[in-house]
Amino acid sequence: MEEKNIKKILKKYKELFLALENYDKTGELPYQRKRIDITLSAKTINKLKDIKEKTGKSISEIIEEKIEK
């Protein structure tokens, strides 16, 4: 394969190559999901449930969106 094509592929799929490099180090992909236990106040849980009903999104989706902003 020509070096020009290799560089083009590396540039186009840079994010995927970085994810695979990280997988080699950690054994985890950034797209994997994990279940965790957290403690929230009843007030916060009720707010999350209200947002869930209004948007139709899961609570985990709501939390991930807020954190990514």
C-alpha atoms as a PDB file:
ATOM      1  CA  MET A   1       0.000   0.000   0.000  1.00  0.00           C
ATOM      2  CA  GLU A   2       1.293   3.454  -0.834  1.00  0.00           C
ATOM      3  CA  GLU A   3       2.269   5.756   1.998  1.00  0.00           C
ATOM      4  CA  LYS A   4      -0.111   8.390   0.614  1.00  0.00           C
ATOM      5  CA  ASN A   5      -3.061   6.011   0.983  1.00  0.00           C
ATOM      6  CA  ILE A   6      -1.947   4.963   4.472  1.00  0.00           C
ATOM      7  CA  LYS A   7      -1.810   8.592   5.631  1.00  0.00           C
ATOM      8  CA  LYS A   8      -5.235   9.251   4.092  1.00  0.00           C
ATOM      9  CA  ILE A   9      -6.753   6.279   5.930  1.00  0.00           C
ATOM     10  CA  LEU A  10      -5.058   7.232   9.227  1.00  0.00           C
ATOM     11  CA  LYS A  11      -6.364  10.789   8.925  1.00  0.00           C
ATOM     12  CA  LYS A  12      -9.896   9.716   7.985  1.00  0.00           C
ATOM     13  CA  TYR A  13     -10.210   7.161  10.812  1.00  0.00           C
ATOM     14  CA  LYS A  14      -8.001   8.853  13.403  1.00  0.00           C
ATOM     15  CA  GLU A  15     -10.647   8.666  16.147  1.00  0.00           C
ATOM     16  CA  LEU A  16     -11.115   4.932  15.642  1.00  0.00           C
ATOM     17  CA  PHE A  17      -7.386   4.254  15.696  1.00  0.00           C
ATOM     18  CA  LEU A  18      -7.074   6.236  18.934  1.00  0.00           C
ATOM     19  CA  ALA A  19      -9.950   4.230  20.440  1.00  0.00           C
ATOM     20  CA  LEU A  20      -8.232   0.970  19.506  1.00  0.00           C
ATOM     21  CA  GLU A  21      -4.925   2.208  20.917  1.00  0.00           C
ATOM     22  CA  ASN A  22      -6.691   3.053  24.175  1.00  0.00           C
ATOM     23  CA  TYR A  23      -8.330  -0.398  24.122  1.00  0.00           C
ATOM     24  CA  ASP A  24      -4.904  -2.011  23.949  1.00  0.00           C
ATOM     25  CA  LYS A  25      -3.909  -0.097  27.096  1.00  0.00           C
ATOM     26  CA  THR A  26      -7.111  -0.334  29.136  1.00  0.00           C
ATOM     27  CA  GLY A  27      -9.190  -3.155  27.669  1.00  0.00           C
ATOM     28  CA  GLU A  28     -12.151  -0.776  27.337  1.00  0.00           C
ATOM     29  CA  LEU A  29     -13.696   0.950  24.353  1.00  0.00           C
ATOM     30  CA  PRO A  30     -15.114   4.460  24.813  1.00  0.00           C
ATOM     31  CA  TYR A  31     -18.394   3.282  23.335  1.00  0.00           C
ATOM     32  CA  GLN A  32     -18.946   0.557  25.914  1.00  0.00           C
ATOM     33  CA  ARG A  33     -21.529   1.085  28.595  1.00  0.00           C
ATOM     34  CA  LYS A  34     -21.088   0.222  32.255  1.00  0.00           C
ATOM     35  CA  ARG A  35     -23.600  -0.053  35.042  1.00  0.00           C
ATOM     36  CA  ILE A  36     -22.779   1.864  38.225  1.00  0.00           C
ATOM     37  CA  ASP A  37     -24.545   2.459  41.514  1.00  0.00           C
ATOM     38  CA  ILE A  38     -25.032   6.074  42.562  1.00  0.00           C
ATOM     39  CA  THR A  39     -26.979   7.734  45.324  1.00  0.00           C
ATOM     40  CA  LEU A  40     -29.245  10.650  44.412  1.00  0.00           C
ATOM     41  CA  SER A  41     -31.758  12.638  46.407  1.00  0.00           C
ATOM     42  CA  ALA A  42     -35.427  11.855  45.914  1.00  0.00           C
ATOM     43  CA  LYS A  43     -35.878  15.359  44.491  1.00  0.00           C
ATOM     44  CA  THR A  44     -33.247  14.727  41.800  1.00  0.00           C
ATOM     45  CA  ILE A  45     -34.696  11.331  40.942  1.00  0.00           C
ATOM     46  CA  ASN A  46     -38.163  12.860  40.551  1.00  0.00           C
ATOM     47  CA  LYS A  47     -36.769  15.576  38.258  1.00  0.00           C
ATOM     48  CA  LEU A  48     -35.039  12.937  36.140  1.00  0.00           C
ATOM     49  CA  LYS A  49     -38.268  10.936  35.916  1.00  0.00           C
ATOM     50  CA  ASP A  50     -40.182  14.063  34.830  1.00  0.00           C
ATOM     51  CA  ILE A  51     -37.608  14.780  32.106  1.00  0.00           C
ATOM     52  CA  LYS A  52     -37.782  11.133  31.052  1.00  0.00           C
ATOM     53  CA  GLU A  53     -41.565  11.330  30.639  1.00  0.00           C
ATOM     54  CA  LYS A  54     -41.397  14.600  28.686  1.00  0.00           C
ATOM     55  CA  THR A  55     -38.570  13.593  26.331  1.00  0.00           C
ATOM     56  CA  GLY A  56     -39.010   9.833  26.061  1.00  0.00           C
ATOM     57  CA  LYS A  57     -35.284   9.396  26.717  1.00  0.00           C
ATOM     58  CA  SER A  58     -33.826   7.048  29.289  1.00  0.00           C
ATOM     59  CA  ILE A  59     -32.409   8.509  32.474  1.00  0.00           C
ATOM     60  CA  SER A  60     -28.903   7.414  31.484  1.00  0.00           C
ATOM     61  CA  GLU A  61     -29.256   9.268  28.148  1.00  0.00           C
ATOM     62  CA  ILE A  62     -30.356  12.408  29.980  1.00  0.00           C
ATOM     63  CA  ILE A  63     -27.381  12.264  32.346  1.00  0.00           C
ATOM     64  CA  GLU A  64     -24.889  11.575  29.538  1.00  0.00           C
ATOM     65  CA  GLU A  65     -26.207  14.520  27.493  1.00  0.00           C
ATOM     66  CA  LYS A  66     -25.897  16.884  30.456  1.00  0.00           C
ATOM     67  CA  ILE A  67     -22.342  15.769  31.200  1.00  0.00           C
ATOM     68  CA  GLU A  68     -21.222  16.075  27.568  1.00  0.00           C
ATOM     69  CA  LYS A  69     -22.358  19.727  27.400  1.00  0.00           C
END
